[in-house]
């Protein structure tokens, strides 16, 4: 039975689900991968931002004086926002790739918690058995993502404001595909059929992706995005999509 909830609400429900007894231990691996990767990436990128801004500023003539200082102050927020927009999807994709088998397990356990039904596979043994299939699925996502990412990234750099908005919208759609795919994949539903389903439920799917992308851009909070989004996406699968897809 469908519930009248938005994609925003489903994502936020993930915060409650990750603290649910019986699910906490399955949250650990996605959370640890996110924490380590994002911490290292932020440390590296912030250092690179500082060097890049200083390099640009050094090209500005000293006789500009105050204008040069204002340019430097303007470049910092612009650079940070740009890095966050690009970083949120690129490193999120890498983190999901590394943790993919455990993300599928978390989605399975959340679905079982919400429905009381087993999906037929249990424990770490099933995780290792499913690694080839899971990685193949991630390759399908990457093949879908890469050519589109190149196009939108070019627009990001050459089209002021509009390019950044389009990149964010693309990130939001990819976030929806990334996280909503886990319960689909657990039921062996093809990547193509999953995308068709999300297109049919575009409003909820896109709003889920928008809030996932927004949270992924917030330092510290973004450490929680992966497990929260998996739990929220699985709740959306159970509440909106499951009956429709499994009745086919």
C-alpha atoms as a PDB file:
ATOM      1  CA  UNK A   1       0.000   0.000   0.000  1.00  0.00           C
ATOM      2  CA  UNK A   2       1.403   3.374  -0.973  1.00  0.00           C
ATOM      3  CA  UNK A   3       1.900   6.141   1.523  1.00  0.00           C
ATOM      4  CA  UNK A   4       1.624   9.836   0.878  1.00  0.00           C
ATOM      5  CA  UNK A   5       5.204  10.818   1.642  1.00  0.00           C
ATOM      6  CA  UNK A   6       7.641  12.901  -0.350  1.00  0.00           C
ATOM      7  CA  UNK A   7      11.180  12.004  -1.300  1.00  0.00           C
ATOM      8  CA  UNK A   8      12.358  14.506   1.318  1.00  0.00           C
ATOM      9  CA  UNK A   9      10.424  12.662   4.037  1.00  0.00           C
ATOM     10  CA  UNK A  10      11.726   9.277   2.963  1.00  0.00           C
ATOM     11  CA  UNK A  11      15.316  10.521   3.111  1.00  0.00           C
ATOM     12  CA  UNK A  12      14.817  12.024   6.575  1.00  0.00           C
ATOM     13  CA  UNK A  13      13.263   8.770   7.795  1.00  0.00           C
ATOM     14  CA  UNK A  14      16.698   7.256   7.209  1.00  0.00           C
ATOM     15  CA  UNK A  15      18.053   9.106  10.256  1.00  0.00           C
ATOM     16  CA  UNK A  16      15.621   7.220  12.456  1.00  0.00           C
ATOM     17  CA  UNK A  17      16.218   3.889  10.742  1.00  0.00           C
ATOM     18  CA  UNK A  18      20.012   3.949  11.213  1.00  0.00           C
ATOM     19  CA  UNK A  19      19.458   4.075  14.994  1.00  0.00           C
ATOM     20  CA  UNK A  20      16.992   1.162  14.968  1.00  0.00           C
ATOM     21  CA  UNK A  21      17.919  -1.837  17.095  1.00  0.00           C
ATOM     22  CA  UNK A  22      19.025  -4.686  14.860  1.00  0.00           C
ATOM     23  CA  UNK A  23      20.105  -2.389  12.016  1.00  0.00           C
ATOM     24  CA  UNK A  24      22.908  -0.458  13.708  1.00  0.00           C
ATOM     25  CA  UNK A  25      25.597  -3.072  13.055  1.00  0.00           C
ATOM     26  CA  UNK A  26      24.808  -3.098   9.334  1.00  0.00           C
ATOM     27  CA  UNK A  27      25.243   0.687   9.234  1.00  0.00           C
ATOM     28  CA  UNK A  28      28.851   0.442  10.431  1.00  0.00           C
ATOM     29  CA  UNK A  29      30.652  -0.460   7.183  1.00  0.00           C
ATOM     30  CA  UNK A  30      28.924   2.165   4.946  1.00  0.00           C
ATOM     31  CA  UNK A  31      29.459   4.743   7.682  1.00  0.00           C
ATOM     32  CA  UNK A  32      33.143   3.834   8.140  1.00  0.00           C
ATOM     33  CA  UNK A  33      33.847   3.950   4.382  1.00  0.00           C
ATOM     34  CA  UNK A  34      32.153   7.327   4.107  1.00  0.00           C
ATOM     35  CA  UNK A  35      33.968   8.716   7.140  1.00  0.00           C
ATOM     36  CA  UNK A  36      37.454   7.666   6.039  1.00  0.00           C
ATOM     37  CA  UNK A  37      37.104   8.606   2.374  1.00  0.00           C
ATOM     38  CA  UNK A  38      35.422  11.962   2.954  1.00  0.00           C
ATOM     39  CA  UNK A  39      37.841  12.964   5.731  1.00  0.00           C
ATOM     40  CA  UNK A  40      40.891  12.217   3.551  1.00  0.00           C
ATOM     41  CA  UNK A  41      39.342  13.909   0.526  1.00  0.00           C
ATOM     42  CA  UNK A  42      38.376  17.055   2.433  1.00  0.00           C
ATOM     43  CA  UNK A  43      41.848  17.363   3.932  1.00  0.00           C
ATOM     44  CA  UNK A  44      43.468  17.024   0.514  1.00  0.00           C
ATOM     45  CA  UNK A  45      41.039  19.263  -1.374  1.00  0.00           C
ATOM     46  CA  UNK A  46      41.066  22.121   1.113  1.00  0.00           C
ATOM     47  CA  UNK A  47      44.856  22.212   0.878  1.00  0.00           C
ATOM     48  CA  UNK A  48      44.659  22.251  -2.911  1.00  0.00           C
ATOM     49  CA  UNK A  49      42.088  25.065  -2.845  1.00  0.00           C
ATOM     50  CA  UNK A  50      44.458  27.230  -0.818  1.00  0.00           C
ATOM     51  CA  UNK A  51      47.362  26.649  -3.236  1.00  0.00           C
ATOM     52  CA  UNK A  52      45.173  27.225  -6.304  1.00  0.00           C
ATOM     53  CA  UNK A  53      43.741  30.493  -5.006  1.00  0.00           C
ATOM     54  CA  UNK A  54      47.198  31.756  -4.107  1.00  0.00           C
ATOM     55  CA  UNK A  55      48.423  30.827  -7.598  1.00  0.00           C
ATOM     56  CA  UNK A  56      45.587  32.836  -9.185  1.00  0.00           C
ATOM     57  CA  UNK A  57      46.144  35.796  -6.856  1.00  0.00           C
ATOM     58  CA  UNK A  58      49.859  35.872  -7.689  1.00  0.00           C
ATOM     59  CA  UNK A  59      48.934  36.549 -11.324  1.00  0.00           C
ATOM     60  CA  UNK A  60      47.029  39.701 -10.340  1.00  0.00           C
ATOM     61  CA  UNK A  61      49.188  42.875 -10.487  1.00  0.00           C
ATOM     62  CA  UNK A  62      50.065  44.378  -7.077  1.00  0.00           C
ATOM     63  CA  UNK A  63      49.088  47.871  -8.249  1.00  0.00           C
ATOM     64  CA  UNK A  64      45.420  46.805  -8.088  1.00  0.00           C
ATOM     65  CA  UNK A  65      45.801  46.918  -4.301  1.00  0.00           C
ATOM     66  CA  UNK A  66      42.395  46.664  -2.596  1.00  0.00           C
ATOM     67  CA  UNK A  67      40.803  45.119  -5.679  1.00  0.00           C
ATOM     68  CA  UNK A  68      43.308  42.279  -5.461  1.00  0.00           C
ATOM     69  CA  UNK A  69      42.303  41.628  -1.836  1.00  0.00           C
ATOM     70  CA  UNK A  70      38.616  41.657  -2.741  1.00  0.00           C
ATOM     71  CA  UNK A  71      39.232  39.161  -5.557  1.00  0.00           C
ATOM     72  CA  UNK A  72      40.973  36.857  -3.100  1.00  0.00           C
ATOM     73  CA  UNK A  73      38.040  37.053  -0.659  1.00  0.00           C
ATOM     74  CA  UNK A  74      35.604  36.361  -3.527  1.00  0.00           C
ATOM     75  CA  UNK A  75      37.550  33.351  -4.811  1.00  0.00           C
ATOM     76  CA  UNK A  76      37.439  31.462  -1.503  1.00  0.00           C
ATOM     77  CA  UNK A  77      33.648  30.959  -1.213  1.00  0.00           C
ATOM     78  CA  UNK A  78      33.391  30.423  -4.977  1.00  0.00           C
ATOM     79  CA  UNK A  79      36.086  27.743  -4.879  1.00  0.00           C
ATOM     80  CA  UNK A  80      34.629  26.020  -1.806  1.00  0.00           C
ATOM     81  CA  UNK A  81      31.115  25.898  -3.303  1.00  0.00           C
ATOM     82  CA  UNK A  82      32.478  24.594  -6.601  1.00  0.00           C
ATOM     83  CA  UNK A  83      34.526  21.897  -4.882  1.00  0.00           C
ATOM     84  CA  UNK A  84      31.559  20.823  -2.745  1.00  0.00           C
ATOM     85  CA  UNK A  85      29.312  20.536  -5.808  1.00  0.00           C
ATOM     86  CA  UNK A  86      31.821  18.425  -7.720  1.00  0.00           C
ATOM     87  CA  UNK A  87      33.070  16.544  -4.671  1.00  0.00           C
ATOM     88  CA  UNK A  88      29.602  15.485  -3.451  1.00  0.00           C
ATOM     89  CA  UNK A  89      28.964  13.250  -6.453  1.00  0.00           C
ATOM     90  CA  UNK A  90      32.463  12.144  -7.490  1.00  0.00           C
ATOM     91  CA  UNK A  91      33.630  11.004  -4.049  1.00  0.00           C
ATOM     92  CA  UNK A  92      30.152   9.787  -3.158  1.00  0.00           C
ATOM     93  CA  UNK A  93      30.296   7.547  -6.226  1.00  0.00           C
ATOM     94  CA  UNK A  94      33.712   6.210  -5.183  1.00  0.00           C
ATOM     95  CA  UNK A  95      32.507   5.556  -1.628  1.00  0.00           C
ATOM     96  CA  UNK A  96      29.447   3.709  -2.907  1.00  0.00           C
ATOM     97  CA  UNK A  97      31.608   1.620  -5.222  1.00  0.00           C
ATOM     98  CA  UNK A  98      33.833   0.495  -2.332  1.00  0.00           C
ATOM     99  CA  UNK A  99      30.951  -0.217   0.060  1.00  0.00           C
ATOM    100  CA  UNK A 100      28.480  -1.559  -2.539  1.00  0.00           C
ATOM    101  CA  UNK A 101      28.170  -5.153  -1.219  1.00  0.00           C
ATOM    102  CA  UNK A 102      27.543  -3.916   2.326  1.00  0.00           C
ATOM    103  CA  UNK A 103      25.148  -1.235   1.093  1.00  0.00           C
ATOM    104  CA  UNK A 104      23.048  -3.961  -0.508  1.00  0.00           C
ATOM    105  CA  UNK A 105      23.080  -5.907   2.761  1.00  0.00           C
ATOM    106  CA  UNK A 106      21.938  -2.824   4.692  1.00  0.00           C
ATOM    107  CA  UNK A 107      19.096  -2.275   2.198  1.00  0.00           C
ATOM    108  CA  UNK A 108      18.096  -5.932   2.597  1.00  0.00           C
ATOM    109  CA  UNK A 109      17.997  -5.695   6.381  1.00  0.00           C
ATOM    110  CA  UNK A 110      15.999  -2.455   6.309  1.00  0.00           C
ATOM    111  CA  UNK A 111      13.465  -4.003   3.932  1.00  0.00           C
ATOM    112  CA  UNK A 112      13.141  -7.035   6.179  1.00  0.00           C
ATOM    113  CA  UNK A 113      12.680  -4.732   9.197  1.00  0.00           C
ATOM    114  CA  UNK A 114       9.928  -2.772   7.428  1.00  0.00           C
ATOM    115  CA  UNK A 115       8.087  -5.726   5.891  1.00  0.00           C
ATOM    116  CA  UNK A 116       8.927  -8.643   8.163  1.00  0.00           C
ATOM    117  CA  UNK A 117       9.780 -10.706   5.071  1.00  0.00           C
ATOM    118  CA  UNK A 118      13.115 -12.328   4.255  1.00  0.00           C
ATOM    119  CA  UNK A 119      14.701 -11.823   0.838  1.00  0.00           C
ATOM    120  CA  UNK A 120      16.181 -15.315   0.975  1.00  0.00           C
ATOM    121  CA  UNK A 121      19.838 -14.455   1.672  1.00  0.00           C
ATOM    122  CA  UNK A 122      21.407 -13.831   5.045  1.00  0.00           C
ATOM    123  CA  UNK A 123      24.691 -12.705   6.567  1.00  0.00           C
ATOM    124  CA  UNK A 124      28.192 -11.991   5.348  1.00  0.00           C
ATOM    125  CA  UNK A 125      28.415 -15.164   3.268  1.00  0.00           C
ATOM    126  CA  UNK A 126      25.701 -13.871   0.959  1.00  0.00           C
ATOM    127  CA  UNK A 127      27.562 -10.542   0.734  1.00  0.00           C
ATOM    128  CA  UNK A 128      30.715 -12.214  -0.575  1.00  0.00           C
ATOM    129  CA  UNK A 129      28.759 -14.456  -2.940  1.00  0.00           C
ATOM    130  CA  UNK A 130      27.026 -11.390  -4.394  1.00  0.00           C
ATOM    131  CA  UNK A 131      30.207  -9.320  -4.896  1.00  0.00           C
ATOM    132  CA  UNK A 132      30.568 -10.123  -8.647  1.00  0.00           C
ATOM    133  CA  UNK A 133      26.915  -9.258  -9.331  1.00  0.00           C
ATOM    134  CA  UNK A 134      27.094  -6.137  -7.151  1.00  0.00           C
ATOM    135  CA  UNK A 135      30.234  -4.850  -8.853  1.00  0.00           C
ATOM    136  CA  UNK A 136      28.718  -5.547 -12.256  1.00  0.00           C
ATOM    137  CA  UNK A 137      25.752  -3.408 -11.223  1.00  0.00           C
ATOM    138  CA  UNK A 138      28.083  -0.609 -10.119  1.00  0.00           C
ATOM    139  CA  UNK A 139      29.785  -0.817 -13.520  1.00  0.00           C
ATOM    140  CA  UNK A 140      26.387  -0.344 -15.184  1.00  0.00           C
ATOM    141  CA  UNK A 141      25.785   2.749 -13.043  1.00  0.00           C
ATOM    142  CA  UNK A 142      29.239   4.076 -13.897  1.00  0.00           C
ATOM    143  CA  UNK A 143      28.676   3.544 -17.621  1.00  0.00           C
ATOM    144  CA  UNK A 144      25.425   5.490 -17.318  1.00  0.00           C
ATOM    145  CA  UNK A 145      27.047   8.199 -15.184  1.00  0.00           C
ATOM    146  CA  UNK A 146      30.374   8.899 -16.913  1.00  0.00           C
ATOM    147  CA  UNK A 147      29.357  10.367 -20.320  1.00  0.00           C
ATOM    148  CA  UNK A 148      26.647  12.478 -18.699  1.00  0.00           C
ATOM    149  CA  UNK A 149      29.002  13.660 -15.967  1.00  0.00           C
ATOM    150  CA  UNK A 150      31.551  14.817 -18.555  1.00  0.00           C
ATOM    151  CA  UNK A 151      28.923  16.859 -20.390  1.00  0.00           C
ATOM    152  CA  UNK A 152      27.461  18.447 -17.266  1.00  0.00           C
ATOM    153  CA  UNK A 153      30.927  19.110 -15.816  1.00  0.00           C
ATOM    154  CA  UNK A 154      31.893  21.030 -18.952  1.00  0.00           C
ATOM    155  CA  UNK A 155      28.737  23.123 -18.553  1.00  0.00           C
ATOM    156  CA  UNK A 156      29.641  23.603 -14.879  1.00  0.00           C
ATOM    157  CA  UNK A 157      32.873  25.364 -15.826  1.00  0.00           C
ATOM    158  CA  UNK A 158      31.804  27.271 -18.947  1.00  0.00           C
ATOM    159  CA  UNK A 159      28.247  28.347 -18.081  1.00  0.00           C
ATOM    160  CA  UNK A 160      28.076  30.754 -15.098  1.00  0.00           C
ATOM    161  CA  UNK A 161      25.339  29.989 -12.549  1.00  0.00           C
ATOM    162  CA  UNK A 162      23.288  27.920 -14.994  1.00  0.00           C
ATOM    163  CA  UNK A 163      26.073  25.353 -15.288  1.00  0.00           C
ATOM    164  CA  UNK A 164      26.256  24.972 -11.511  1.00  0.00           C
ATOM    165  CA  UNK A 165      22.462  24.563 -11.267  1.00  0.00           C
ATOM    166  CA  UNK A 166      22.466  21.920 -14.002  1.00  0.00           C
ATOM    167  CA  UNK A 167      25.321  20.069 -12.288  1.00  0.00           C
ATOM    168  CA  UNK A 168      23.419  20.048  -8.995  1.00  0.00           C
ATOM    169  CA  UNK A 169      20.297  18.723 -10.741  1.00  0.00           C
ATOM    170  CA  UNK A 170      22.361  16.005 -12.396  1.00  0.00           C
ATOM    171  CA  UNK A 171      23.921  15.123  -9.027  1.00  0.00           C
ATOM    172  CA  UNK A 172      20.446  14.904  -7.501  1.00  0.00           C
ATOM    173  CA  UNK A 173      19.231  12.505 -10.183  1.00  0.00           C
ATOM    174  CA  UNK A 174      22.357  10.348  -9.821  1.00  0.00           C
ATOM    175  CA  UNK A 175      21.904  10.274  -6.044  1.00  0.00           C
ATOM    176  CA  UNK A 176      18.378   8.950  -6.554  1.00  0.00           C
ATOM    177  CA  UNK A 177      19.619   6.290  -8.977  1.00  0.00           C
ATOM    178  CA  UNK A 178      22.542   5.345  -6.738  1.00  0.00           C
ATOM    179  CA  UNK A 179      20.598   4.746  -3.536  1.00  0.00           C
ATOM    180  CA  UNK A 180      17.211   3.640  -4.820  1.00  0.00           C
ATOM    181  CA  UNK A 181      18.939   0.997  -6.923  1.00  0.00           C
ATOM    182  CA  UNK A 182      20.031  -1.122  -3.938  1.00  0.00           C
ATOM    183  CA  UNK A 183      16.593  -2.590  -3.111  1.00  0.00           C
ATOM    184  CA  UNK A 184      15.897  -3.039  -6.843  1.00  0.00           C
ATOM    185  CA  UNK A 185      19.155  -4.939  -7.248  1.00  0.00           C
ATOM    186  CA  UNK A 186      18.416  -7.095  -4.207  1.00  0.00           C
ATOM    187  CA  UNK A 187      15.334  -8.311  -6.076  1.00  0.00           C
ATOM    188  CA  UNK A 188      17.339  -8.877  -9.294  1.00  0.00           C
ATOM    189  CA  UNK A 189      15.434  -6.125 -11.115  1.00  0.00           C
ATOM    190  CA  UNK A 190      17.434  -4.870 -14.093  1.00  0.00           C
ATOM    191  CA  UNK A 191      19.145  -1.478 -14.127  1.00  0.00           C
ATOM    192  CA  UNK A 192      17.062  -0.449 -17.150  1.00  0.00           C
ATOM    193  CA  UNK A 193      13.783  -1.378 -15.456  1.00  0.00           C
ATOM    194  CA  UNK A 194      14.868   0.461 -12.312  1.00  0.00           C
ATOM    195  CA  UNK A 195      15.505   3.662 -14.297  1.00  0.00           C
ATOM    196  CA  UNK A 196      12.143   3.349 -16.031  1.00  0.00           C
ATOM    197  CA  UNK A 197      10.455   3.024 -12.644  1.00  0.00           C
ATOM    198  CA  UNK A 198      12.215   6.106 -11.270  1.00  0.00           C
ATOM    199  CA  UNK A 199      11.190   8.052 -14.372  1.00  0.00           C
ATOM    200  CA  UNK A 200       7.586   7.079 -13.709  1.00  0.00           C
ATOM    201  CA  UNK A 201       7.969   8.365 -10.142  1.00  0.00           C
ATOM    202  CA  UNK A 202      10.175  11.295 -11.094  1.00  0.00           C
ATOM    203  CA  UNK A 203       8.861  13.782  -8.522  1.00  0.00           C
ATOM    204  CA  UNK A 204       9.525  11.600  -5.481  1.00  0.00           C
ATOM    205  CA  UNK A 205      12.765  10.234  -6.926  1.00  0.00           C
ATOM    206  CA  UNK A 206      14.135  13.662  -7.789  1.00  0.00           C
ATOM    207  CA  UNK A 207      13.164  15.211  -4.449  1.00  0.00           C
ATOM    208  CA  UNK A 208      14.914  12.300  -2.718  1.00  0.00           C
ATOM    209  CA  UNK A 209      18.028  12.997  -4.801  1.00  0.00           C
ATOM    210  CA  UNK A 210      17.895  16.747  -4.141  1.00  0.00           C
ATOM    211  CA  UNK A 211      17.940  16.397  -0.368  1.00  0.00           C
ATOM    212  CA  UNK A 212      20.588  13.647  -0.562  1.00  0.00           C
ATOM    213  CA  UNK A 213      22.825  15.957  -2.622  1.00  0.00           C
ATOM    214  CA  UNK A 214      22.196  18.893  -0.286  1.00  0.00           C
ATOM    215  CA  UNK A 215      23.183  16.865   2.783  1.00  0.00           C
ATOM    216  CA  UNK A 216      26.230  15.484   0.942  1.00  0.00           C
ATOM    217  CA  UNK A 217      27.534  19.058   0.612  1.00  0.00           C
ATOM    218  CA  UNK A 218      27.391  19.768   4.365  1.00  0.00           C
ATOM    219  CA  UNK A 219      30.677  19.012   6.163  1.00  0.00           C
ATOM    220  CA  UNK A 220      30.398  16.402   8.956  1.00  0.00           C
ATOM    221  CA  UNK A 221      26.758  15.703   8.097  1.00  0.00           C
ATOM    222  CA  UNK A 222      27.885  14.179   4.790  1.00  0.00           C
ATOM    223  CA  UNK A 223      29.553  11.354   6.723  1.00  0.00           C
ATOM    224  CA  UNK A 224      26.056  10.036   7.475  1.00  0.00           C
ATOM    225  CA  UNK A 225      24.603  10.467   4.000  1.00  0.00           C
ATOM    226  CA  UNK A 226      25.382   6.991   2.659  1.00  0.00           C
ATOM    227  CA  UNK A 227      23.692   4.883   5.371  1.00  0.00           C
ATOM    228  CA  UNK A 228      20.874   7.403   5.836  1.00  0.00           C
ATOM    229  CA  UNK A 229      20.157   7.527   2.096  1.00  0.00           C
ATOM    230  CA  UNK A 230      20.220   3.716   1.797  1.00  0.00           C
ATOM    231  CA  UNK A 231      17.737   3.378   4.646  1.00  0.00           C
ATOM    232  CA  UNK A 232      15.538   6.182   3.302  1.00  0.00           C
ATOM    233  CA  UNK A 233      15.647   4.785  -0.241  1.00  0.00           C
ATOM    234  CA  UNK A 234      14.645   1.340   1.018  1.00  0.00           C
ATOM    235  CA  UNK A 235      11.759   2.885   2.953  1.00  0.00           C
ATOM    236  CA  UNK A 236      10.669   4.562  -0.292  1.00  0.00           C
ATOM    237  CA  UNK A 237      10.969   1.237  -2.136  1.00  0.00           C
ATOM    238  CA  UNK A 238       8.746  -0.468   0.443  1.00  0.00           C
ATOM    239  CA  UNK A 239       6.245   2.386   0.677  1.00  0.00           C
ATOM    240  CA  UNK A 240       5.958   3.324  -3.009  1.00  0.00           C
ATOM    241  CA  UNK A 241       7.561   0.916  -5.457  1.00  0.00           C
ATOM    242  CA  UNK A 242       7.824  -2.616  -4.116  1.00  0.00           C
ATOM    243  CA  UNK A 243       4.302  -3.906  -4.741  1.00  0.00           C
ATOM    244  CA  UNK A 244       4.225  -2.400  -8.215  1.00  0.00           C
ATOM    245  CA  UNK A 245       7.530  -3.957  -9.253  1.00  0.00           C
ATOM    246  CA  UNK A 246       7.125  -7.391  -7.644  1.00  0.00           C
ATOM    247  CA  UNK A 247       3.647  -7.867  -9.103  1.00  0.00           C
ATOM    248  CA  UNK A 248       5.071  -7.781 -12.645  1.00  0.00           C
END
